[in-house]
Amino acid sequence: MGELYIGGAGVARGYLNRPELTAERFIASAFVEGDRLYRTGDLARYLPDGNLEFLGRNDEQVKIRGFRIEPGEIAARLCEHERVREAVVVARDDRAGDKRLVAYVVAQTTDGSHEADGAELAAALRAHLGGLLPDYMVPAAFVRLEALPLTPNGKLDRKALPAPDDDAYARRVYEAPQGEIETALAAIWAELLGVERVGRHDNFFELGGHSLLAVRLLARLTQALAVELPLATLFAKPTLADLALSVGEVPNGSGAQPAPAILPVGRDGALPLSLCAAASLVLVTVGRRQHELQHPLGWRLRGRLERAAWQRSLDRVFARHEALRNVFVAPQGRPWVEVLPADAGLPVTEHDLSGRPDAETALWICAVTRRARRSTCRAAR
């Protein structure tokens, strides 16, 4: 799979009065000297018979839990199922604020399968994709529609796609949680997964759970029941009833342990690195992969910016969250963490680019970003 480029006499010279977009989309051909190629933004692949199969748009790529995903590829695999006529996959924010994949399918109507229960169809499609794609590409929910919503010009109306309800998840036959542990677990699952009802036979991962949510679940379990459960136990026993049984077996050596008391640590001196911080430092100083730990983000603001209010807002966020004020120090070559005082303030560097052409501004921003990354690496070393 790759991006589709078009060359030849039919390619335009560029976009009218859009030099920055022209530079982005029209590139020199690597095959014909003096020719240019147009980046379509379409993703495709060659079939054995020489035809091209369209797989979606690269501007529809989504990044979920660190994985870059092509929703069009998932939809294509869904359409291979005998019960699916049309499909589209999108990333939606759930009620917990996390992104998750949701598949919208129009079922085949020839054999009456469109009358099947929504949860049963979701289970069948989830099993189908599970045999073709990695786990992180399997949607959390499958919504059955009579037809895909379209705009007046015949394109998919993504804004009209409904939010998934409980039937959109691969659920088991519902049986209410029993006992104090199952009830507490069900409440935590419902909050983390953004579903209204959790039965004792429901599977955490079939309801949309994943490894990051699993870690959050175990942390909440420690807070609610004062029990530490190994992550492997959740993967081995992902149903509510089985997991509750493991929690209840703490005194019997099931792998779970009573949670130790958490004691505060003073902030007056240097602090030892956590395992995560130590790994990050190794990536930067030894692997020189500091760009993987950066999160660039850009905003285009309209109107007048109140710089003083903006700086105060940044300083308050900086003061509120201690993690933002952690810095690495290395006395005698041994790395430690120091916490800057809450009133240290967040330094902001300002550059005035007014009056510059858009294309020149874009090149300048790229150059500054590269210099910032190099300086970050030097500072870490």
Protein backbone atom coordinates (compact mmCIF):
# COMPACT_ATOMS: atom_id res chain seq x y z
CA MET A 1 0.00 0.00 0.00
CA GLY A 2 1.23 3.48 -0.83
CA GLU A 3 0.21 6.97 -1.87
CA LEU A 4 -0.93 7.44 -5.45
CA TYR A 5 1.01 9.97 -7.58
CA ILE A 6 -0.07 11.14 -11.05
CA GLY A 7 2.26 12.32 -13.81
CA GLY A 8 2.06 13.14 -17.50
CA ALA A 9 0.62 15.83 -19.73
CA GLY A 10 -2.67 16.02 -17.84
CA VAL A 11 -1.09 17.27 -14.60
CA ALA A 12 -1.80 20.92 -13.82
CA ARG A 13 0.95 23.45 -13.14
CA GLY A 14 -0.27 24.13 -9.61
CA TYR A 15 -2.93 25.79 -7.48
CA LEU A 16 -3.91 29.35 -8.37
CA ASN A 17 -2.41 31.83 -5.89
CA ARG A 18 -1.55 28.99 -3.47
CA PRO A 19 2.24 28.67 -3.65
CA GLU A 20 2.53 26.79 -0.34
CA LEU A 21 -0.05 24.19 -1.40
CA THR A 22 1.53 23.91 -4.84
CA ALA A 23 4.93 23.21 -3.27
CA GLU A 24 3.34 20.55 -1.05
CA ARG A 25 1.36 18.73 -3.71
CA PHE A 26 3.43 19.10 -6.93
CA ILE A 27 6.90 17.58 -6.81
CA ALA A 28 9.67 16.89 -9.27
CA SER A 29 9.35 13.48 -10.91
CA ALA A 30 11.95 10.89 -10.02
CA PHE A 31 11.23 9.04 -13.27
CA VAL A 32 11.07 11.66 -16.05
CA GLU A 33 13.49 14.58 -15.99
CA GLY A 34 11.67 17.91 -16.10
CA ASP A 35 8.30 16.31 -15.38
CA ARG A 36 6.24 16.77 -12.24
CA LEU A 37 4.09 14.47 -10.17
CA TYR A 38 0.90 15.32 -8.30
CA ARG A 39 0.35 13.87 -4.82
CA THR A 40 -3.28 12.80 -4.81
CA GLY A 41 -3.52 11.94 -1.12
CA ASP A 42 -5.19 8.67 -2.16
CA LEU A 43 -3.92 5.38 -0.80
CA ALA A 44 -3.90 2.41 -3.17
CA ARG A 45 -2.13 -0.78 -4.08
CA TYR A 46 -1.61 -2.80 -7.24
CA LEU A 47 -3.62 -5.99 -7.67
CA PRO A 48 -2.11 -9.01 -9.46
CA ASP A 49 -4.07 -8.15 -12.62
CA GLY A 50 -2.54 -4.65 -12.78
CA ASN A 51 -5.57 -2.76 -11.52
CA LEU A 52 -5.28 -0.33 -8.62
CA GLU A 53 -7.35 -0.89 -5.47
CA PHE A 54 -8.35 2.30 -3.66
CA LEU A 55 -7.87 2.00 0.12
CA GLY A 56 -8.75 5.45 1.42
CA ARG A 57 -7.16 8.82 2.00
CA ASN A 58 -3.90 9.50 3.79
CA ASP A 59 -5.48 12.59 5.34
CA GLU A 60 -7.96 10.21 6.99
CA GLN A 61 -5.14 8.45 8.82
CA VAL A 62 -5.64 8.36 12.57
CA LYS A 63 -3.22 7.71 15.38
CA ILE A 64 -4.58 5.68 18.27
CA ARG A 65 -2.43 4.58 21.20
CA GLY A 66 0.70 5.33 19.18
CA PHE A 67 -0.35 3.30 16.11
CA ARG A 68 -0.97 5.02 12.78
CA ILE A 69 -4.06 3.44 11.26
CA GLU A 70 -5.72 3.55 7.83
CA PRO A 71 -9.49 3.30 8.44
CA GLY A 72 -10.01 2.57 4.75
CA GLU A 73 -8.01 -0.65 5.05
CA ILE A 74 -10.22 -1.84 7.90
CA ALA A 75 -13.37 -0.99 5.91
CA ALA A 76 -12.03 -2.96 2.94
CA ARG A 77 -11.54 -6.04 5.11
CA LEU A 78 -15.05 -5.63 6.55
CA CYS A 79 -16.53 -5.61 3.06
CA GLU A 80 -14.97 -9.05 2.51
CA HIS A 81 -17.39 -10.48 5.07
CA GLU A 82 -20.44 -12.14 3.55
CA ARG A 83 -22.82 -10.17 5.79
CA VAL A 84 -21.45 -6.72 4.93
CA ARG A 85 -22.44 -4.73 1.83
CA GLU A 86 -20.89 -1.35 2.72
CA ALA A 87 -18.64 -0.21 5.53
CA VAL A 88 -16.80 2.83 6.80
CA VAL A 89 -14.52 3.14 9.82
CA VAL A 90 -13.90 6.36 11.76
CA ALA A 91 -12.16 7.37 14.98
CA ARG A 92 -14.47 8.86 17.60
CA ASP A 93 -13.88 10.31 21.04
CA ASP A 94 -15.67 8.25 23.67
CA ARG A 95 -17.19 9.54 26.87
CA ALA A 96 -13.91 9.01 28.69
CA GLY A 97 -12.10 11.28 26.21
CA ASP A 98 -10.15 8.50 24.47
CA LYS A 99 -10.17 7.86 20.73
CA ARG A 100 -11.53 4.55 19.57
CA LEU A 101 -12.35 3.02 16.21
CA VAL A 102 -16.01 2.63 15.30
CA ALA A 103 -17.16 0.66 12.24
CA TYR A 104 -20.42 1.51 10.48
CA VAL A 105 -21.77 -1.30 8.33
CA VAL A 106 -24.68 -1.78 5.96
CA ALA A 107 -25.58 -5.46 6.11
CA GLN A 108 -26.40 -7.68 3.18
CA THR A 109 -30.14 -8.20 2.87
CA THR A 110 -30.36 -11.29 0.67
CA ASP A 111 -30.32 -13.85 3.48
CA GLY A 112 -32.09 -11.86 6.17
CA SER A 113 -28.90 -11.43 8.20
CA HIS A 114 -29.66 -7.73 8.59
CA GLU A 115 -32.32 -8.76 11.11
CA ALA A 116 -29.71 -10.34 13.38
CA ASP A 117 -29.06 -8.94 16.82
CA GLY A 118 -26.61 -6.02 16.80
CA ALA A 119 -24.37 -7.48 19.48
CA GLU A 120 -24.27 -10.83 17.65
CA LEU A 121 -23.27 -9.10 14.40
CA ALA A 122 -20.62 -7.10 16.26
CA ALA A 123 -19.16 -10.33 17.68
CA ALA A 124 -19.07 -11.95 14.23
CA LEU A 125 -17.37 -8.97 12.59
CA ARG A 126 -14.92 -8.60 15.43
CA ALA A 127 -13.91 -12.26 15.06
CA HIS A 128 -13.59 -11.79 11.27
CA LEU A 129 -11.25 -8.81 11.59
CA GLY A 130 -9.34 -10.43 14.44
CA GLY A 131 -8.15 -13.11 12.03
CA LEU A 132 -6.99 -10.56 9.42
CA LEU A 133 -5.70 -7.51 11.27
CA PRO A 134 -3.67 -6.74 14.40
CA ASP A 135 -5.64 -6.10 17.58
CA TYR A 136 -5.15 -2.33 17.52
CA MET A 137 -6.92 -2.17 14.12
CA VAL A 138 -10.05 -4.01 15.28
CA PRO A 139 -12.83 -1.47 15.97
CA ALA A 140 -14.22 -1.24 19.46
CA ALA A 141 -17.81 -0.93 18.21
CA PHE A 142 -19.80 -1.97 15.12
CA VAL A 143 -22.86 0.12 14.27
CA ARG A 144 -25.38 -1.35 11.83
CA LEU A 145 -27.08 1.15 9.50
CA GLU A 146 -29.77 0.81 6.87
CA ALA A 147 -27.66 3.06 4.61
CA LEU A 148 -24.59 5.24 4.96
CA PRO A 149 -25.51 8.94 5.35
CA LEU A 150 -24.54 11.02 2.32
CA THR A 151 -24.13 14.73 1.64
CA PRO A 152 -26.14 16.36 -1.21
CA ASN A 153 -23.21 15.75 -3.58
CA GLY A 154 -23.11 12.05 -2.78
CA LYS A 155 -20.13 11.93 -0.40
CA LEU A 156 -20.12 10.30 3.01
CA ASP A 157 -21.57 12.64 5.66
CA ARG A 158 -19.32 11.81 8.58
CA LYS A 159 -21.06 14.26 10.90
CA ALA A 160 -24.30 12.31 10.48
CA LEU A 161 -22.80 9.01 11.67
CA PRO A 162 -24.48 8.18 15.00
CA ALA A 163 -22.63 7.45 18.22
CA PRO A 164 -22.52 3.72 19.05
CA ASP A 165 -24.96 2.38 21.61
CA ASP A 166 -24.46 -0.62 23.87
CA ASP A 167 -25.57 -3.08 21.16
CA ALA A 168 -22.67 -1.96 18.98
CA TYR A 169 -20.20 -3.78 21.22
CA ALA A 170 -19.54 -7.51 21.22
CA ARG A 171 -21.55 -8.41 24.30
CA ARG A 172 -22.42 -11.71 25.90
CA VAL A 173 -25.84 -12.72 27.23
CA TYR A 174 -26.46 -10.24 30.02
CA GLU A 175 -26.38 -11.38 33.61
CA ALA A 176 -26.20 -8.78 36.36
CA PRO A 177 -22.99 -8.61 38.44
CA GLN A 178 -23.10 -10.57 41.67
CA GLY A 179 -21.44 -9.62 44.92
CA GLU A 180 -19.49 -6.60 46.03
CA ILE A 181 -16.38 -7.22 43.91
CA GLU A 182 -18.24 -7.80 40.63
CA THR A 183 -20.41 -4.74 41.25
CA ALA A 184 -17.38 -2.56 41.93
CA LEU A 185 -15.59 -3.91 38.87
CA ALA A 186 -18.64 -3.35 36.66
CA ALA A 187 -18.84 0.29 37.76
CA ILE A 188 -15.15 0.83 36.92
CA TRP A 189 -15.53 -0.88 33.53
CA ALA A 190 -18.59 1.19 32.64
CA GLU A 191 -16.74 4.43 33.40
CA LEU A 192 -13.52 3.52 31.59
CA LEU A 193 -15.19 1.96 28.56
CA GLY A 194 -18.00 4.49 28.24
CA VAL A 195 -20.81 1.90 28.29
CA GLU A 196 -23.97 2.04 30.36
CA ARG A 197 -24.26 -1.60 31.42
CA VAL A 198 -21.70 -4.33 32.07
CA GLY A 199 -22.68 -7.96 32.64
CA ARG A 200 -20.73 -10.54 34.57
CA HIS A 201 -19.93 -12.49 31.37
CA ASP A 202 -18.83 -9.47 29.30
CA ASN A 203 -15.25 -9.39 28.01
CA PHE A 204 -13.18 -6.30 28.78
CA PHE A 205 -11.47 -6.25 25.38
CA GLU A 206 -14.60 -7.03 23.38
CA LEU A 207 -16.23 -3.98 24.98
CA GLY A 208 -13.48 -1.77 23.57
CA GLY A 209 -10.76 -2.21 26.17
CA HIS A 210 -7.08 -2.12 25.24
CA SER A 211 -3.71 -2.28 26.97
CA LEU A 212 -3.66 1.36 28.08
CA LEU A 213 -7.17 1.13 29.49
CA ALA A 214 -6.12 -2.12 31.16
CA VAL A 215 -3.40 -0.27 33.07
CA ARG A 216 -5.91 2.39 34.12
CA LEU A 217 -8.31 -0.34 35.21
CA LEU A 218 -5.73 -1.95 37.45
CA ALA A 219 -4.87 1.45 38.96
CA ARG A 220 -8.55 2.08 39.70
CA LEU A 221 -8.79 -1.41 41.15
CA THR A 222 -5.99 -0.59 43.54
CA GLN A 223 -7.76 2.61 44.64
CA ALA A 224 -11.18 1.01 45.04
CA LEU A 225 -10.32 -2.39 46.54
CA ALA A 226 -6.73 -1.93 47.79
CA VAL A 227 -5.56 -4.82 45.61
CA GLU A 228 -2.68 -5.00 43.12
CA LEU A 229 -3.42 -7.33 40.23
CA PRO A 230 -0.84 -8.33 37.59
CA LEU A 231 -1.63 -7.15 34.07
CA ALA A 232 -1.25 -10.72 32.84
CA THR A 233 -4.22 -11.76 34.98
CA LEU A 234 -6.54 -9.39 33.13
CA PHE A 235 -5.40 -10.73 29.74
CA ALA A 236 -5.81 -14.31 30.95
CA LYS A 237 -9.22 -13.67 32.59
CA PRO A 238 -10.84 -10.78 30.71
CA THR A 239 -14.47 -11.52 31.68
CA LEU A 240 -15.93 -9.69 34.65
CA ALA A 241 -16.80 -12.78 36.68
CA ASP A 242 -13.40 -14.42 36.18
CA LEU A 243 -11.50 -11.24 37.01
CA ALA A 244 -13.60 -10.70 40.14
CA LEU A 245 -12.81 -14.26 41.21
CA SER A 246 -9.06 -13.52 40.87
CA VAL A 247 -9.46 -10.38 42.97
CA GLY A 248 -11.31 -12.35 45.62
CA GLU A 249 -8.51 -14.93 45.79
CA VAL A 250 -5.87 -12.45 47.04
CA PRO A 251 -5.20 -14.35 50.29
CA ASN A 252 -4.93 -17.62 48.34
CA GLY A 253 -2.00 -16.61 46.15
CA SER A 254 -3.78 -16.00 42.82
CA GLY A 255 -1.12 -13.50 41.79
CA ALA A 256 -2.94 -10.52 43.25
CA GLN A 257 -1.46 -8.85 46.30
CA PRO A 258 -2.74 -6.36 48.84
CA ALA A 259 -1.65 -2.92 47.69
CA PRO A 260 1.14 -1.37 49.77
CA ALA A 261 0.59 2.01 51.35
CA ILE A 262 1.68 4.96 49.21
CA LEU A 263 3.85 7.37 51.18
CA PRO A 264 4.66 10.93 50.08
CA VAL A 265 8.25 11.73 49.14
CA GLY A 266 9.88 15.07 49.90
CA ARG A 267 10.63 17.47 47.04
CA ASP A 268 13.54 19.31 48.66
CA GLY A 269 16.33 17.43 46.89
CA ALA A 270 17.00 15.31 43.83
CA LEU A 271 14.69 12.38 43.13
CA PRO A 272 15.54 9.02 41.54
CA LEU A 273 14.38 8.46 37.98
CA SER A 274 11.31 6.34 37.37
CA LEU A 275 11.69 3.45 34.93
CA CYS A 276 9.82 5.45 32.29
CA ALA A 277 12.01 8.53 32.79
CA ALA A 278 15.19 6.45 32.66
CA ALA A 279 14.05 4.84 29.39
CA SER A 280 13.28 8.26 27.92
CA LEU A 281 16.70 9.56 28.89
CA VAL A 282 18.38 6.59 27.23
CA LEU A 283 16.41 7.19 24.01
CA VAL A 284 17.54 10.81 23.92
CA THR A 285 21.18 10.48 24.95
CA VAL A 286 22.15 7.11 23.49
CA GLY A 287 19.60 6.37 20.78
CA ARG A 288 19.32 10.05 19.73
CA ARG A 289 15.60 9.54 19.23
CA GLN A 290 14.46 12.69 20.99
CA HIS A 291 11.98 13.48 18.22
CA GLU A 292 9.90 10.47 19.28
CA LEU A 293 9.38 12.03 22.70
CA GLN A 294 8.28 15.43 21.42
CA HIS A 295 4.70 16.39 20.73
CA PRO A 296 4.63 19.33 18.30
CA LEU A 297 1.32 21.14 18.05
CA GLY A 298 0.31 24.26 16.15
CA TRP A 299 -2.63 26.64 16.41
CA ARG A 300 -3.74 29.40 14.09
CA LEU A 301 -5.44 32.08 16.19
CA ARG A 302 -7.80 34.70 14.84
CA GLY A 303 -8.09 38.10 16.46
CA ARG A 304 -5.87 39.89 18.95
CA LEU A 305 -3.85 37.80 21.39
CA GLU A 306 -3.75 39.03 24.98
CA ARG A 307 -0.16 38.02 25.65
CA ALA A 308 -0.21 38.74 29.37
CA ALA A 309 -3.34 36.64 29.94
CA TRP A 310 -1.93 33.88 27.76
CA GLN A 311 1.34 33.82 29.74
CA ARG A 312 -0.55 33.75 33.05
CA SER A 313 -2.58 30.79 31.81
CA LEU A 314 0.56 28.89 30.81
CA ASP A 315 2.21 29.68 34.15
CA ARG A 316 -0.81 28.40 36.07
CA VAL A 317 -0.83 25.12 34.15
CA PHE A 318 2.93 24.86 34.72
CA ALA A 319 2.46 25.44 38.46
CA ARG A 320 -0.47 23.05 38.81
CA HIS A 321 1.16 20.01 37.21
CA GLU A 322 4.39 18.95 38.86
CA ALA A 323 5.30 16.62 36.00
CA LEU A 324 5.76 19.65 33.71
CA ARG A 325 8.38 21.05 36.11
CA ASN A 326 10.59 17.95 36.23
CA VAL A 327 14.10 18.42 34.81
CA PHE A 328 17.02 16.01 34.47
CA VAL A 329 20.25 16.76 36.30
CA ALA A 330 23.38 14.61 36.30
CA PRO A 331 25.79 15.39 39.16
CA GLN A 332 28.90 13.19 38.92
CA GLY A 333 27.36 11.59 35.85
CA ARG A 334 24.42 10.10 37.75
CA PRO A 335 21.04 11.28 36.41
CA TRP A 336 18.39 12.49 38.85
CA VAL A 337 15.20 14.50 38.66
CA GLU A 338 14.73 17.91 40.19
CA VAL A 339 11.36 19.64 40.50
CA LEU A 340 11.33 23.33 39.67
CA PRO A 341 9.37 25.58 42.07
CA ALA A 342 5.73 26.24 41.25
CA ASP A 343 6.42 29.93 40.65
CA ALA A 344 9.24 29.28 38.14
CA GLY A 345 7.03 30.21 35.19
CA LEU A 346 7.05 28.69 31.72
CA PRO A 347 9.50 30.41 29.34
CA VAL A 348 8.03 31.41 25.97
CA THR A 349 10.04 32.41 22.90
CA GLU A 350 8.25 34.68 20.45
CA HIS A 351 9.08 35.24 16.76
CA ASP A 352 7.42 37.90 14.62
CA LEU A 353 6.85 36.60 11.09
CA SER A 354 4.41 39.28 9.98
CA GLY A 355 4.98 40.53 6.46
CA ARG A 356 6.62 37.33 5.22
CA PRO A 357 5.11 35.28 2.38
CA ASP A 358 3.34 32.10 3.47
CA ALA A 359 5.82 29.84 1.68
CA GLU A 360 8.79 31.55 3.36
CA THR A 361 7.05 31.35 6.74
CA ALA A 362 6.49 27.60 6.35
CA LEU A 363 10.18 27.02 5.50
CA TRP A 364 11.26 29.15 8.47
CA ILE A 365 9.05 27.17 10.87
CA CYS A 366 10.53 23.89 9.60
CA ALA A 367 14.07 25.23 10.09
CA VAL A 368 13.31 26.42 13.64
CA THR A 369 11.76 23.04 14.49
CA ARG A 370 14.87 21.21 13.31
CA ARG A 371 17.15 23.52 15.32
CA ALA A 372 14.97 23.04 18.40
CA ARG A 373 15.24 19.28 18.12
CA ARG A 374 19.02 19.43 17.74
CA SER A 375 19.35 21.76 20.72
CA THR A 376 17.14 19.46 22.78
CA CYS A 377 19.49 16.58 22.00
CA ARG A 378 22.58 18.64 22.89
CA ALA A 379 21.01 19.78 26.16
CA ALA A 380 20.14 16.20 27.08
CA ARG A 381 23.68 15.01 26.36
